[in-house]
Amino acid sequence: MGVAMAGDRVFLAVLAGSLLLGALSTAANAEPRAEGVGVVVAVEEPTARITLDHGPIQGVMPAMRMGFRVERGELLAGVKAGDAVRFTIASRGPEWLVVAVEKLAAPAATTAPRIPAPDFTVRAFDGSDLSLSTHRGKAVLLNFWASWCIPCRTEMPAIERLYQRYKDRGFEVIAVNLDTLSLAGVEAFLKEVKVTFRIGLDQEWSTARAYRVVGLPTTYLIDRAGHVVVREIGARDWDDGASHAAVTKLLD
């Protein structure tokens, strides 16, 4: 992701990150916590979010680029893109929130490895097969959603607008539905919100497990070489400048 500005929100191509392992808190009755070290990619002060290139966090997630909500906006004071930081995340339901941020003296020299996106084949809503590998060479937004998930439904029109804007430049959207019992809700939703990108069905959650989906919606941005670049847990305003900057950098 090259430099691209949207007000105070910035996505930067900062691919260096320290690979220090975090450790989950095991104290009795304590909220689950973990620590990591990484490089700040973006600070979004109005919405209290931070995007980090971080090393593997033991027992939580591998090294990757990921956006987190921040518990308190003041934690971002003085933090900017390019800073090396040590951070603490705490589990709040299905979401991990940043609850502490400490700037380090200098960025580490090591580089966080890009994670290959697991390939998958699912049945599409139209009955055909849908595979990630068939879109190699394109930038892909992979969205996991369910018809009963209100935030999923809310962000879907913005994802459609994003797709319409960039599809001719090699941008693809795959929305994998995770309804387990009936597809009636999926069919009703797709009649209401007429998206043009492809919908996959994962009633067994096998693809969701491969991508370690713990909350809905969860969205991945995958580059043309098939590597995970961004992981977003929770709904996002895909109409905002930072989102467009993230996509256009993948298409450059």
Foldseek 3Di string as FASTA:
>chain_A
DPWFDFPQWTFHPDQAKDADEWDWDPDPPDFTKIKWKFFWGIADLVQQKTWTQIAQYPPPGHGAIEMAHAPDSCLCVPPGGGFIWMWMWTDDQLGTHTDHIGTDPHTDPHGHDFAFQDWDWFQWPVGHIDIPVVLQQAKEKEKEAELVDVLQLVQVLQVLVLCVVCVVLRYAYEYEYAAQDDCPSVVVSCVVPVHDGIYGYDNVCPSVVSVVDRAPTWIFIAANNRTTHYIYHTHDNCPGRNNSVVNVVSSD
